[in-house]
Amino acid sequence: MFRVFTAMLFAVAAVPAFAQNEVVVYHNPSNYDSSDGSVSTAACAAQLDPPFTTFGEIPIYPYLAGASFVNSSEGGTAECGTCWQLTSANGSVVVLIVDQADNGSM
């Protein structure tokens, strides 16, 4: 089951408040909801420092996400391991980018 959220995406660090993009965020429980899930399956695995074996070892777990700006064919991008604040009418949450996500697909 997918949950679909329309949210405002803000960078938590080093991005001015006016630099914002509206995005659609898809949450697929089979990706990151298991703390025993292998980080090696995520596009950003090699760029996380320190390296982690399971998603549950990541201090911000379970607030993990994929983003369309991460290029999985290149082993991730500079945005791997960055935190982003997602804000909707229901509130805000900070997530760590650990994977690639297809833009607009479920």
PDB file of N, CA and C in Angstrom:
ATOM      1  N   MET A   1       0.839  -1.168   0.000  1.00  0.00           N
ATOM      2  CA  MET A   1       0.000   0.000   0.000  1.00  0.00           C
ATOM      3  C   MET A   1       0.891   1.239   0.000  1.00  0.00           C
ATOM      4  N   PHE A   2       0.604   2.162  -0.889  1.00  0.00           N
ATOM      5  CA  PHE A   2       1.347   3.404  -0.965  1.00  0.00           C
ATOM      6  C   PHE A   2       0.557   4.516  -0.298  1.00  0.00           C
ATOM      7  N   ARG A   3       1.248   5.387   0.384  1.00  0.00           N
ATOM      8  CA  ARG A   3       0.649   6.607   0.889  1.00  0.00           C
ATOM      9  C   ARG A   3       1.198   7.737   0.044  1.00  0.00           C
ATOM     10  N   VAL A   4       0.351   8.635  -0.413  1.00  0.00           N
ATOM     11  CA  VAL A   4       0.786   9.723  -1.262  1.00  0.00           C
ATOM     12  C   VAL A   4       0.594  11.029  -0.504  1.00  0.00           C
ATOM     13  N   PHE A   5       1.637  11.833  -0.458  1.00  0.00           N
ATOM     14  CA  PHE A   5       1.596  13.113   0.219  1.00  0.00           C
ATOM     15  C   PHE A   5       2.045  14.189  -0.761  1.00  0.00           C
ATOM     16  N   THR A   6       1.346  15.298  -0.796  1.00  0.00           N
ATOM     17  CA  THR A   6       1.851  16.469  -1.485  1.00  0.00           C
ATOM     18  C   THR A   6       2.448  17.341  -0.413  1.00  0.00           C
ATOM     19  N   ALA A   7       3.690  17.729  -0.595  1.00  0.00           N
ATOM     20  CA  ALA A   7       4.391  18.442   0.465  1.00  0.00           C
ATOM     21  C   ALA A   7       5.292  19.515  -0.117  1.00  0.00           C
ATOM     22  N   MET A   8       5.640  20.459   0.721  1.00  0.00           N
ATOM     23  CA  MET A   8       6.660  21.432   0.369  1.00  0.00           C
ATOM     24  C   MET A   8       7.980  20.853   0.853  1.00  0.00           C
ATOM     25  N   LEU A   9       8.995  20.892   0.026  1.00  0.00           N
ATOM     26  CA  LEU A   9      10.289  20.310   0.359  1.00  0.00           C
ATOM     27  C   LEU A   9      11.267  21.442   0.632  1.00  0.00           C
ATOM     28  N   PHE A  10      11.819  21.454   1.836  1.00  0.00           N
ATOM     29  CA  PHE A  10      12.781  22.481   2.223  1.00  0.00           C
ATOM     30  C   PHE A  10      14.078  21.797   2.625  1.00  0.00           C
ATOM     31  N   ALA A  11      15.195  22.322   2.203  1.00  0.00           N
ATOM     32  CA  ALA A  11      16.471  21.812   2.689  1.00  0.00           C
ATOM     33  C   ALA A  11      16.633  22.275   4.126  1.00  0.00           C
ATOM     34  N   VAL A  12      17.099  21.399   4.997  1.00  0.00           N
ATOM     35  CA  VAL A  12      17.264  21.741   6.398  1.00  0.00           C
ATOM     36  C   VAL A  12      18.467  22.649   6.587  1.00  0.00           C
ATOM     37  N   ALA A  13      19.522  22.450   5.809  1.00  0.00           N
ATOM     38  CA  ALA A  13      20.738  23.242   6.000  1.00  0.00           C
ATOM     39  C   ALA A  13      21.173  23.904   4.700  1.00  0.00           C
ATOM     40  N   ALA A  14      21.667  25.097   4.822  1.00  0.00           N
ATOM     41  CA  ALA A  14      22.365  25.816   3.757  1.00  0.00           C
ATOM     42  C   ALA A  14      21.529  26.162   2.537  1.00  0.00           C
ATOM     43  N   VAL A  15      20.228  26.197   2.657  1.00  0.00           N
ATOM     44  CA  VAL A  15      19.395  26.629   1.544  1.00  0.00           C
ATOM     45  C   VAL A  15      18.470  27.724   2.050  1.00  0.00           C
ATOM     46  N   PRO A  16      18.440  28.876   1.382  1.00  0.00           N
ATOM     47  CA  PRO A  16      17.572  29.960   1.832  1.00  0.00           C
ATOM     48  C   PRO A  16      16.114  29.531   1.888  1.00  0.00           C
ATOM     49  N   ALA A  17      15.348  30.170   2.754  1.00  0.00           N
ATOM     50  CA  ALA A  17      13.934  29.810   2.943  1.00  0.00           C
ATOM     51  C   ALA A  17      13.129  29.944   1.667  1.00  0.00           C
ATOM     52  N   PHE A  18      13.522  30.840   0.765  1.00  0.00           N
ATOM     53  CA  PHE A  18      12.763  31.005  -0.474  1.00  0.00           C
ATOM     54  C   PHE A  18      13.050  29.913  -1.489  1.00  0.00           C
ATOM     55  N   ALA A  19      14.065  29.092  -1.282  1.00  0.00           N
ATOM     56  CA  ALA A  19      14.403  28.001  -2.201  1.00  0.00           C
ATOM     57  C   ALA A  19      13.582  26.782  -1.823  1.00  0.00           C
ATOM     58  N   GLN A  20      12.420  26.641  -2.422  1.00  0.00           N
ATOM     59  CA  GLN A  20      11.537  25.538  -2.091  1.00  0.00           C
ATOM     60  C   GLN A  20      10.900  24.996  -3.365  1.00  0.00           C
ATOM     61  N   ASN A  21      10.542  23.762  -3.328  1.00  0.00           N
ATOM     62  CA  ASN A  21       9.915  23.100  -4.460  1.00  0.00           C
ATOM     63  C   ASN A  21       8.729  22.308  -3.955  1.00  0.00           C
ATOM     64  N   GLU A  22       7.642  22.323  -4.705  1.00  0.00           N
ATOM     65  CA  GLU A  22       6.524  21.468  -4.351  1.00  0.00           C
ATOM     66  C   GLU A  22       6.765  20.108  -4.973  1.00  0.00           C
ATOM     67  N   VAL A  23       6.605  19.060  -4.193  1.00  0.00           N
ATOM     68  CA  VAL A  23       6.860  17.700  -4.661  1.00  0.00           C
ATOM     69  C   VAL A  23       5.744  16.778  -4.204  1.00  0.00           C
ATOM     70  N   VAL A  24       5.650  15.642  -4.849  1.00  0.00           N
ATOM     71  CA  VAL A  24       4.783  14.569  -4.385  1.00  0.00           C
ATOM     72  C   VAL A  24       5.694  13.503  -3.799  1.00  0.00           C
ATOM     73  N   VAL A  25       5.412  13.089  -2.573  1.00  0.00           N
ATOM     74  CA  VAL A  25       6.247  12.124  -1.869  1.00  0.00           C
ATOM     75  C   VAL A  25       5.497  10.801  -1.774  1.00  0.00           C
ATOM     76  N   TYR A  26       6.127   9.726  -2.189  1.00  0.00           N
ATOM     77  CA  TYR A  26       5.535   8.397  -2.102  1.00  0.00           C
ATOM     78  C   TYR A  26       6.215   7.619  -0.988  1.00  0.00           C
ATOM     79  N   HIS A  27       5.428   6.988  -0.174  1.00  0.00           N
ATOM     80  CA  HIS A  27       5.977   6.159   0.902  1.00  0.00           C
ATOM     81  C   HIS A  27       5.573   4.720   0.639  1.00  0.00           C
ATOM     82  N   ASN A  28       6.548   3.876   0.405  1.00  0.00           N
ATOM     83  CA  ASN A  28       6.299   2.459   0.173  1.00  0.00           C
ATOM     84  C   ASN A  28       6.813   1.697   1.393  1.00  0.00           C
ATOM     85  N   PRO A  29       5.917   1.178   2.234  1.00  0.00           N
ATOM     86  CA  PRO A  29       6.341   0.513   3.467  1.00  0.00           C
ATOM     87  C   PRO A  29       7.331  -0.625   3.274  1.00  0.00           C
ATOM     88  N   SER A  30       7.380  -1.241   2.117  1.00  0.00           N
ATOM     89  CA  SER A  30       8.311  -2.359   1.924  1.00  0.00           C
ATOM     90  C   SER A  30       9.754  -1.898   1.757  1.00  0.00           C
ATOM     91  N   ASN A  31       9.985  -0.599   1.519  1.00  0.00           N
ATOM     92  CA  ASN A  31      11.355  -0.129   1.296  1.00  0.00           C
ATOM     93  C   ASN A  31      12.157   0.041   2.576  1.00  0.00           C
ATOM     94  N   TYR A  32      11.676   0.870   3.501  1.00  0.00           N
ATOM     95  CA  TYR A  32      12.493   1.248   4.651  1.00  0.00           C
ATOM     96  C   TYR A  32      11.832   0.967   5.991  1.00  0.00           C
ATOM     97  N   ASP A  33      10.644   0.401   6.017  1.00  0.00           N
ATOM     98  CA  ASP A  33       9.931   0.215   7.278  1.00  0.00           C
ATOM     99  C   ASP A  33      10.491  -0.909   8.141  1.00  0.00           C
ATOM    100  N   SER A  34      11.313  -1.759   7.584  1.00  0.00           N
ATOM    101  CA  SER A  34      11.926  -2.825   8.374  1.00  0.00           C
ATOM    102  C   SER A  34      13.308  -2.366   8.832  1.00  0.00           C
ATOM    103  N   SER A  35      13.501  -2.307  10.144  1.00  0.00           N
ATOM    104  CA  SER A  35      14.810  -1.886  10.664  1.00  0.00           C
ATOM    105  C   SER A  35      15.909  -2.864  10.271  1.00  0.00           C
ATOM    106  N   ASP A  36      15.537  -4.092   9.927  1.00  0.00           N
ATOM    107  CA  ASP A  36      16.510  -5.107   9.503  1.00  0.00           C
ATOM    108  C   ASP A  36      16.834  -5.034   8.016  1.00  0.00           C
ATOM    109  N   GLY A  37      16.160  -4.114   7.278  1.00  0.00           N
ATOM    110  CA  GLY A  37      16.408  -3.989   5.848  1.00  0.00           C
ATOM    111  C   GLY A  37      17.850  -3.611   5.559  1.00  0.00           C
ATOM    112  N   SER A  38      18.386  -4.121   4.482  1.00  0.00           N
ATOM    113  CA  SER A  38      19.789  -3.906   4.136  1.00  0.00           C
ATOM    114  C   SER A  38      20.004  -2.558   3.464  1.00  0.00           C
ATOM    115  N   VAL A  39      20.899  -1.768   4.027  1.00  0.00           N
ATOM    116  CA  VAL A  39      21.243  -0.472   3.446  1.00  0.00           C
ATOM    117  C   VAL A  39      21.871  -0.653   2.068  1.00  0.00           C
ATOM    118  N   SER A  40      22.469  -1.797   1.819  1.00  0.00           N
ATOM    119  CA  SER A  40      23.122  -2.046   0.531  1.00  0.00           C
ATOM    120  C   SER A  40      22.145  -1.993  -0.634  1.00  0.00           C
ATOM    121  N   THR A  41      20.839  -2.078  -0.371  1.00  0.00           N
ATOM    122  CA  THR A  41      19.834  -2.003  -1.433  1.00  0.00           C
ATOM    123  C   THR A  41      19.533  -0.560  -1.832  1.00  0.00           C
ATOM    124  N   ALA A  42      20.006   0.412  -1.079  1.00  0.00           N
ATOM    125  CA  ALA A  42      19.746   1.827  -1.342  1.00  0.00           C
ATOM    126  C   ALA A  42      20.844   2.425  -2.221  1.00  0.00           C
ATOM    127  N   ALA A  43      20.468   3.342  -3.100  1.00  0.00           N
ATOM    128  CA  ALA A  43      21.419   3.959  -4.019  1.00  0.00           C
ATOM    129  C   ALA A  43      22.527   4.719  -3.302  1.00  0.00           C
ATOM    130  N   CYS A  44      22.241   5.225  -2.115  1.00  0.00           N
ATOM    131  CA  CYS A  44      23.221   6.044  -1.386  1.00  0.00           C
ATOM    132  C   CYS A  44      24.078   5.245  -0.408  1.00  0.00           C
ATOM    133  N   ALA A  45      23.977   3.934  -0.397  1.00  0.00           N
ATOM    134  CA  ALA A  45      24.649   3.107   0.601  1.00  0.00           C
ATOM    135  C   ALA A  45      26.142   3.419   0.723  1.00  0.00           C
ATOM    136  N   ALA A  46      26.828   3.536  -0.383  1.00  0.00           N
ATOM    137  CA  ALA A  46      28.276   3.750  -0.352  1.00  0.00           C
ATOM    138  C   ALA A  46      28.657   5.150   0.110  1.00  0.00           C
ATOM    139  N   GLN A  47      27.709   6.081   0.086  1.00  0.00           N
ATOM    140  CA  GLN A  47      28.016   7.460   0.445  1.00  0.00           C
ATOM    141  C   GLN A  47      27.647   7.813   1.881  1.00  0.00           C
ATOM    142  N   LEU A  48      26.990   6.918   2.595  1.00  0.00           N
ATOM    143  CA  LEU A  48      26.638   7.205   3.983  1.00  0.00           C
ATOM    144  C   LEU A  48      27.868   7.026   4.857  1.00  0.00           C
ATOM    145  N   ASP A  49      28.093   7.996   5.739  1.00  0.00           N
ATOM    146  CA  ASP A  49      29.286   7.966   6.589  1.00  0.00           C
ATOM    147  C   ASP A  49      28.876   8.264   8.022  1.00  0.00           C
ATOM    148  N   PRO A  50      29.052   7.321   8.928  1.00  0.00           N
ATOM    149  CA  PRO A  50      29.741   6.054   8.733  1.00  0.00           C
ATOM    150  C   PRO A  50      28.876   5.069   7.946  1.00  0.00           C
ATOM    151  N   PRO A  51      29.477   4.018   7.413  1.00  0.00           N
ATOM    152  CA  PRO A  51      28.679   3.013   6.702  1.00  0.00           C
ATOM    153  C   PRO A  51      27.777   2.255   7.675  1.00  0.00           C
ATOM    154  N   PHE A  52      26.575   1.948   7.219  1.00  0.00           N
ATOM    155  CA  PHE A  52      25.602   1.219   8.025  1.00  0.00           C
ATOM    156  C   PHE A  52      25.249  -0.078   7.316  1.00  0.00           C
ATOM    157  N   THR A  53      24.920  -1.109   8.083  1.00  0.00           N
ATOM    158  CA  THR A  53      24.519  -2.393   7.518  1.00  0.00           C
ATOM    159  C   THR A  53      23.016  -2.468   7.334  1.00  0.00           C
ATOM    160  N   THR A  54      22.253  -2.029   8.351  1.00  0.00           N
ATOM    161  CA  THR A  54      20.788  -2.081   8.285  1.00  0.00           C
ATOM    162  C   THR A  54      20.203  -0.679   8.443  1.00  0.00           C
ATOM    163  N   PHE A  55      18.979  -0.497   7.961  1.00  0.00           N
ATOM    164  CA  PHE A  55      18.311   0.793   8.090  1.00  0.00           C
ATOM    165  C   PHE A  55      18.153   1.189   9.557  1.00  0.00           C
ATOM    166  N   GLY A  56      17.918   0.219  10.429  1.00  0.00           N
ATOM    167  CA  GLY A  56      17.727   0.497  11.845  1.00  0.00           C
ATOM    168  C   GLY A  56      18.953   1.073  12.531  1.00  0.00           C
ATOM    169  N   GLU A  57      20.131   0.893  11.952  1.00  0.00           N
ATOM    170  CA  GLU A  57      21.362   1.455  12.521  1.00  0.00           C
ATOM    171  C   GLU A  57      21.497   2.953  12.257  1.00  0.00           C
ATOM    172  N   ILE A  58      20.758   3.469  11.292  1.00  0.00           N
ATOM    173  CA  ILE A  58      20.835   4.888  10.949  1.00  0.00           C
ATOM    174  C   ILE A  58      20.117   5.683  12.037  1.00  0.00           C
ATOM    175  N   PRO A  59      20.797   6.631  12.670  1.00  0.00           N
ATOM    176  CA  PRO A  59      20.225   7.322  13.829  1.00  0.00           C
ATOM    177  C   PRO A  59      18.860   7.974  13.599  1.00  0.00           C
ATOM    178  N   ILE A  60      18.556   8.420  12.400  1.00  0.00           N
ATOM    179  CA  ILE A  60      17.281   9.087  12.131  1.00  0.00           C
ATOM    180  C   ILE A  60      16.169   8.097  11.723  1.00  0.00           C
ATOM    181  N   TYR A  61      16.492   6.797  11.692  1.00  0.00           N
ATOM    182  CA  TYR A  61      15.494   5.781  11.341  1.00  0.00           C
ATOM    183  C   TYR A  61      14.268   5.947  12.233  1.00  0.00           C
ATOM    184  N   PRO A  62      13.052   5.863  11.735  1.00  0.00           N
ATOM    185  CA  PRO A  62      12.594   5.395  10.419  1.00  0.00           C
ATOM    186  C   PRO A  62      12.362   6.508   9.400  1.00  0.00           C
ATOM    187  N   TYR A  63      12.910   7.681   9.624  1.00  0.00           N
ATOM    188  CA  TYR A  63      12.655   8.819   8.735  1.00  0.00           C
ATOM    189  C   TYR A  63      13.637   8.832   7.572  1.00  0.00           C
ATOM    190  N   LEU A  64      13.478   7.840   6.690  1.00  0.00           N
ATOM    191  CA  LEU A  64      14.335   7.656   5.524  1.00  0.00           C
ATOM    192  C   LEU A  64      13.494   7.836   4.269  1.00  0.00           C
ATOM    193  N   ALA A  65      14.112   8.325   3.195  1.00  0.00           N
ATOM    194  CA  ALA A  65      13.342   8.568   1.978  1.00  0.00           C
ATOM    195  C   ALA A  65      14.232   8.422   0.752  1.00  0.00           C
ATOM    196  N   GLY A  66      13.567   8.284  -0.386  1.00  0.00           N
ATOM    197  CA  GLY A  66      14.225   8.328  -1.680  1.00  0.00           C
ATOM    198  C   GLY A  66      13.814   9.614  -2.368  1.00  0.00           C
ATOM    199  N   ALA A  67      14.624  10.087  -3.296  1.00  0.00           N
ATOM    200  CA  ALA A  67      14.325  11.321  -4.018  1.00  0.00           C
ATOM    201  C   ALA A  67      14.663  11.167  -5.488  1.00  0.00           C
ATOM    202  N   SER A  68      13.889  11.848  -6.328  1.00  0.00           N
ATOM    203  CA  SER A  68      14.087  11.730  -7.770  1.00  0.00           C
ATOM    204  C   SER A  68      15.387  12.368  -8.232  1.00  0.00           C
ATOM    205  N   PHE A  69      15.986  13.250  -7.429  1.00  0.00           N
ATOM    206  CA  PHE A  69      17.240  13.877  -7.832  1.00  0.00           C
ATOM    207  C   PHE A  69      18.462  13.009  -7.546  1.00  0.00           C
ATOM    208  N   VAL A  70      18.273  11.836  -6.934  1.00  0.00           N
ATOM    209  CA  VAL A  70      19.373  10.898  -6.703  1.00  0.00           C
ATOM    210  C   VAL A  70      19.482   9.998  -7.930  1.00  0.00           C
ATOM    211  N   ASN A  71      20.679   9.875  -8.484  1.00  0.00           N
ATOM    212  CA  ASN A  71      20.908   9.071  -9.670  1.00  0.00           C
ATOM    213  C   ASN A  71      21.480   7.717  -9.249  1.00  0.00           C
ATOM    214  N   SER A  72      20.640   6.690  -9.256  1.00  0.00           N
ATOM    215  CA  SER A  72      21.085   5.368  -8.801  1.00  0.00           C
ATOM    216  C   SER A  72      22.118   4.744  -9.730  1.00  0.00           C
ATOM    217  N   SER A  73      22.118   5.095 -10.998  1.00  0.00           N
ATOM    218  CA  SER A  73      23.088   4.499 -11.924  1.00  0.00           C
ATOM    219  C   SER A  73      24.501   5.018 -11.687  1.00  0.00           C
ATOM    220  N   GLU A  74      24.630   6.133 -10.982  1.00  0.00           N
ATOM    221  CA  GLU A  74      25.942   6.693 -10.679  1.00  0.00           C
ATOM    222  C   GLU A  74      26.332   6.463  -9.222  1.00  0.00           C
ATOM    223  N   GLY A  75      25.624   5.577  -8.541  1.00  0.00           N
ATOM    224  CA  GLY A  75      25.931   5.296  -7.139  1.00  0.00           C
ATOM    225  C   GLY A  75      25.504   6.408  -6.207  1.00  0.00           C
ATOM    226  N   GLY A  76      24.490   7.149  -6.600  1.00  0.00           N
ATOM    227  CA  GLY A  76      23.990   8.234  -5.777  1.00  0.00           C
ATOM    228  C   GLY A  76      24.465   9.587  -6.287  1.00  0.00           C
ATOM    229  N   THR A  77      24.251  10.626  -5.504  1.00  0.00           N
ATOM    230  CA  THR A  77      24.648  11.983  -5.864  1.00  0.00           C
ATOM    231  C   THR A  77      25.097  12.706  -4.600  1.00  0.00           C
ATOM    232  N   ALA A  78      25.470  13.945  -4.770  1.00  0.00           N
ATOM    233  CA  ALA A  78      25.914  14.751  -3.625  1.00  0.00           C
ATOM    234  C   ALA A  78      24.809  14.917  -2.578  1.00  0.00           C
ATOM    235  N   GLU A  79      23.549  14.782  -2.970  1.00  0.00           N
ATOM    236  CA  GLU A  79      22.440  14.932  -2.033  1.00  0.00           C
ATOM    237  C   GLU A  79      22.230  13.707  -1.148  1.00  0.00           C
ATOM    238  N   CYS A  80      22.904  12.611  -1.455  1.00  0.00           N
ATOM    239  CA  CYS A  80      22.813  11.424  -0.604  1.00  0.00           C
ATOM    240  C   CYS A  80      23.261  11.777   0.806  1.00  0.00           C
ATOM    241  N   GLY A  81      22.485  11.344   1.781  1.00  0.00           N
ATOM    242  CA  GLY A  81      22.837  11.593   3.167  1.00  0.00           C
ATOM    243  C   GLY A  81      22.451  12.968   3.677  1.00  0.00           C
ATOM    244  N   THR A  82      21.716  13.739   2.874  1.00  0.00           N
ATOM    245  CA  THR A  82      21.261  15.051   3.330  1.00  0.00           C
ATOM    246  C   THR A  82      19.878  14.937   3.945  1.00  0.00           C
ATOM    247  N   CYS A  83      19.573  15.857   4.836  1.00  0.00           N
ATOM    248  CA  CYS A  83      18.265  15.879   5.491  1.00  0.00           C
ATOM    249  C   CYS A  83      17.380  16.929   4.840  1.00  0.00           C
ATOM    250  N   TRP A  84      16.095  16.594   4.704  1.00  0.00           N
ATOM    251  CA  TRP A  84      15.118  17.486   4.093  1.00  0.00           C
ATOM    252  C   TRP A  84      13.881  17.528   4.975  1.00  0.00           C
ATOM    253  N   GLN A  85      13.286  18.696   5.093  1.00  0.00           N
ATOM    254  CA  GLN A  85      12.060  18.855   5.856  1.00  0.00           C
ATOM    255  C   GLN A  85      10.883  18.809   4.897  1.00  0.00           C
ATOM    256  N   LEU A  86       9.963  17.868   5.114  1.00  0.00           N
ATOM    257  CA  LEU A  86       8.749  17.753   4.326  1.00  0.00           C
ATOM    258  C   LEU A  86       7.610  18.362   5.137  1.00  0.00           C
ATOM    259  N   THR A  87       6.907  19.313   4.548  1.00  0.00           N
ATOM    260  CA  THR A  87       5.839  20.007   5.252  1.00  0.00           C
ATOM    261  C   THR A  87       4.550  19.882   4.467  1.00  0.00           C
ATOM    262  N   SER A  88       3.490  19.509   5.160  1.00  0.00           N
ATOM    263  CA  SER A  88       2.164  19.425   4.557  1.00  0.00           C
ATOM    264  C   SER A  88       1.167  20.056   5.513  1.00  0.00           C
ATOM    265  N   ALA A  89      -0.092  20.011   5.166  1.00  0.00           N
ATOM    266  CA  ALA A  89      -1.137  20.546   6.040  1.00  0.00           C
ATOM    267  C   ALA A  89      -1.186  19.808   7.374  1.00  0.00           C
ATOM    268  N   ASN A  90      -0.654  18.592   7.415  1.00  0.00           N
ATOM    269  CA  ASN A  90      -0.677  17.777   8.633  1.00  0.00           C
ATOM    270  C   ASN A  90       0.542  17.987   9.527  1.00  0.00           C
ATOM    271  N   GLY A  91       1.509  18.806   9.098  1.00  0.00           N
ATOM    272  CA  GLY A  91       2.702  19.043   9.897  1.00  0.00           C
ATOM    273  C   GLY A  91       3.964  18.842   9.096  1.00  0.00           C
ATOM    274  N   SER A  92       5.086  18.711   9.804  1.00  0.00           N
ATOM    275  CA  SER A  92       6.395  18.568   9.167  1.00  0.00           C
ATOM    276  C   SER A  92       7.133  17.359   9.713  1.00  0.00           C
ATOM    277  N   VAL A  93       8.038  16.846   8.898  1.00  0.00           N
ATOM    278  CA  VAL A  93       8.921  15.762   9.312  1.00  0.00           C
ATOM    279  C   VAL A  93      10.242  15.939   8.566  1.00  0.00           C
ATOM    280  N   VAL A  94      11.343  15.638   9.222  1.00  0.00           N
ATOM    281  CA  VAL A  94      12.651  15.679   8.590  1.00  0.00           C
ATOM    282  C   VAL A  94      13.022  14.254   8.191  1.00  0.00           C
ATOM    283  N   VAL A  95      13.476  14.082   6.943  1.00  0.00           N
ATOM    284  CA  VAL A  95      13.868  12.765   6.446  1.00  0.00           C
ATOM    285  C   VAL A  95      15.297  12.816   5.926  1.00  0.00           C
ATOM    286  N   LEU A  96      15.950  11.674   5.933  1.00  0.00           N
ATOM    287  CA  LEU A  96      17.296  11.516   5.399  1.00  0.00           C
ATOM    288  C   LEU A  96      17.191  10.860   4.019  1.00  0.00           C
ATOM    289  N   ILE A  97      17.818  11.452   3.014  1.00  0.00           N
ATOM    290  CA  ILE A  97      17.787  10.882   1.664  1.00  0.00           C
ATOM    291  C   ILE A  97      18.808   9.747   1.585  1.00  0.00           C
ATOM    292  N   VAL A  98      18.300   8.535   1.331  1.00  0.00           N
ATOM    293  CA  VAL A  98      19.160   7.351   1.261  1.00  0.00           C
ATOM    294  C   VAL A  98      19.030   6.588  -0.050  1.00  0.00           C
ATOM    295  N   ASP A  99      18.113   7.030  -0.924  1.00  0.00           N
ATOM    296  CA  ASP A  99      17.840   6.221  -2.101  1.00  0.00           C
ATOM    297  C   ASP A  99      17.311   7.081  -3.245  1.00  0.00           C
ATOM    298  N   GLN A 100      17.225   6.463  -4.395  1.00  0.00           N
ATOM    299  CA  GLN A 100      16.637   7.069  -5.596  1.00  0.00           C
ATOM    300  C   GLN A 100      15.150   6.751  -5.604  1.00  0.00           C
ATOM    301  N   ALA A 101      14.351   7.662  -6.143  1.00  0.00           N
ATOM    302  CA  ALA A 101      12.913   7.419  -6.328  1.00  0.00           C
ATOM    303  C   ALA A 101      12.540   7.932  -7.705  1.00  0.00           C
ATOM    304  N   ASP A 102      11.695   7.196  -8.393  1.00  0.00           N
ATOM    305  CA  ASP A 102      11.246   7.645  -9.711  1.00  0.00           C
ATOM    306  C   ASP A 102      10.321   8.832  -9.545  1.00  0.00           C
ATOM    307  N   ASN A 103      10.517   9.853 -10.336  1.00  0.00           N
ATOM    308  CA  ASN A 103       9.717  11.063 -10.268  1.00  0.00           C
ATOM    309  C   ASN A 103       8.296  10.783 -10.766  1.00  0.00           C
ATOM    310  N   GLY A 104       7.330  10.876  -9.860  1.00  0.00           N
ATOM    311  CA  GLY A 104       5.928  10.747 -10.228  1.00  0.00           C
ATOM    312  C   GLY A 104       5.417   9.339 -10.435  1.00  0.00           C
ATOM    313  N   SER A 105       6.179   8.309 -10.100  1.00  0.00           N
ATOM    314  CA  SER A 105       5.683   6.954 -10.307  1.00  0.00           C
ATOM    315  C   SER A 105       5.436   6.270  -8.959  1.00  0.00           C
ATOM    316  N   MET A 106       4.647   5.236  -8.993  1.00  0.00           N
ATOM    317  CA  MET A 106       4.354   4.479  -7.767  1.00  0.00           C
ATOM    318  C   MET A 106       4.707   3.035  -7.980  1.00  0.00           C
TER     319      MET A 106
END
